Amino acid sequence: MHHIKPKILKPDGKQRSGRGFSLEELKKAGLNPAEAKRLEIPVDRRRKTVHDQNVEAIKAYVEKKKAEAKPKPKPKPQPKKKPKS
C-alpha cells in the first residue's frame, strides 16, 4: 500500500491523483527508481512532466521515512571457541 500519491493537473486546471511520480521528479528529489521502490514510492515511467509540488512531497515523505526508521542494532561479536587439545 502506497502512502503517497502525486497530484496531476487535468486540462481543465483541476487536480487529480496520479498513478506514480515521474522519473524526473524523482531525480529532482535526489532519488533513483530503485530507492523509490525501496521506500514504497510509486513510479510512473510513462510520465514526463515535473511538478514542483510533487518534488516537495517526495522530499517530505523521504524525511518522514528517515525519521521513522529505527537504526539497526549491531550484532554482538561471537566469542571464539578454543580448540580442545
Protein backbone atom coordinates (compact mmCIF):
# COMPACT_ATOMS: atom_id res chain seq x y z
CA MET A 1 0.00 0.00 0.00
CA HIS A 2 1.41 3.35 -1.02
CA HIS A 3 1.10 6.24 1.36
CA ILE A 4 1.97 8.93 -1.14
CA LYS A 5 0.36 9.79 -4.49
CA PRO A 6 1.32 12.51 -6.96
CA LYS A 7 -1.05 15.29 -7.93
CA ILE A 8 -1.55 15.79 -11.66
CA LEU A 9 -3.15 18.77 -13.36
CA LYS A 10 -6.03 17.97 -15.68
CA PRO A 11 -6.56 20.08 -18.82
CA ASP A 12 -9.38 21.99 -17.10
CA GLY A 13 -6.96 23.10 -14.35
CA LYS A 14 -8.24 20.77 -11.65
CA GLN A 15 -6.02 18.31 -9.84
CA ARG A 16 -6.37 14.56 -9.71
CA SER A 17 -4.45 11.78 -8.01
CA GLY A 18 -1.83 10.26 -10.29
CA ARG A 19 -0.55 6.74 -10.86
CA GLY A 20 3.02 7.45 -9.80
CA PHE A 21 5.81 10.01 -9.82
CA SER A 22 7.80 10.70 -12.98
CA LEU A 23 11.48 9.80 -13.23
CA GLU A 24 12.38 13.48 -13.50
CA GLU A 25 10.51 14.27 -10.27
CA LEU A 26 12.44 11.51 -8.52
CA LYS A 27 15.72 12.83 -9.94
CA LYS A 28 14.98 16.37 -8.71
CA ALA A 29 14.19 14.95 -5.26
CA GLY A 30 17.54 13.13 -5.23
CA LEU A 31 16.23 9.57 -5.66
CA ASN A 32 16.60 6.88 -8.27
CA PRO A 33 13.87 4.34 -9.16
CA ALA A 34 15.43 1.60 -7.01
CA GLU A 35 15.45 3.83 -3.92
CA ALA A 36 11.87 4.88 -4.65
CA LYS A 37 10.80 1.25 -4.82
CA ARG A 38 12.53 0.52 -1.50
CA LEU A 39 10.71 3.48 0.09
CA GLU A 40 7.38 2.34 -1.44
CA ILE A 41 7.07 5.42 -3.65
CA PRO A 42 5.08 4.66 -6.83
CA VAL A 43 6.86 5.41 -10.11
CA ASP A 44 5.14 6.02 -13.45
CA ARG A 45 7.78 5.66 -16.15
CA ARG A 46 5.39 6.98 -18.82
CA ARG A 47 5.03 10.43 -17.27
CA LYS A 48 7.38 13.16 -18.47
CA THR A 49 6.04 16.15 -16.53
CA VAL A 50 7.67 17.64 -13.46
CA HIS A 51 5.52 19.41 -10.88
CA ASP A 52 7.33 21.22 -8.07
CA GLN A 53 4.64 20.28 -5.54
CA ASN A 54 5.29 16.59 -6.28
CA VAL A 55 9.05 17.04 -5.81
CA GLU A 56 8.41 18.72 -2.45
CA ALA A 57 6.00 15.92 -1.48
CA ILE A 58 8.68 13.31 -2.25
CA LYS A 59 11.29 15.17 -0.20
CA ALA A 60 8.92 15.49 2.76
CA TYR A 61 7.98 11.80 2.54
CA VAL A 62 11.64 10.72 2.45
CA GLU A 63 12.44 12.86 5.51
CA LYS A 64 9.45 11.38 7.33
CA LYS A 65 10.53 7.82 6.47
CA LYS A 66 14.10 8.51 7.63
CA ALA A 67 12.81 9.87 10.94
CA GLU A 68 10.64 6.78 11.45
CA ALA A 69 13.41 4.34 10.58
CA LYS A 70 14.95 2.66 13.57
CA PRO A 71 18.70 2.16 13.44
CA LYS A 72 19.61 -1.50 13.16
CA PRO A 73 21.50 -2.78 16.20
CA LYS A 74 24.99 -4.05 15.55
CA PRO A 75 25.34 -7.78 16.08
CA LYS A 76 27.36 -8.77 19.11
CA PRO A 77 30.63 -10.48 18.25
CA GLN A 78 30.58 -14.18 19.00
CA PRO A 79 33.31 -15.37 21.36
CA LYS A 80 35.86 -17.50 19.59
CA LYS A 81 35.89 -21.09 20.69
CA LYS A 82 39.22 -22.51 21.71
CA PRO A 83 40.01 -25.87 20.14
CA LYS A 84 40.17 -28.74 22.59
CA SER A 85 43.53 -30.48 22.60
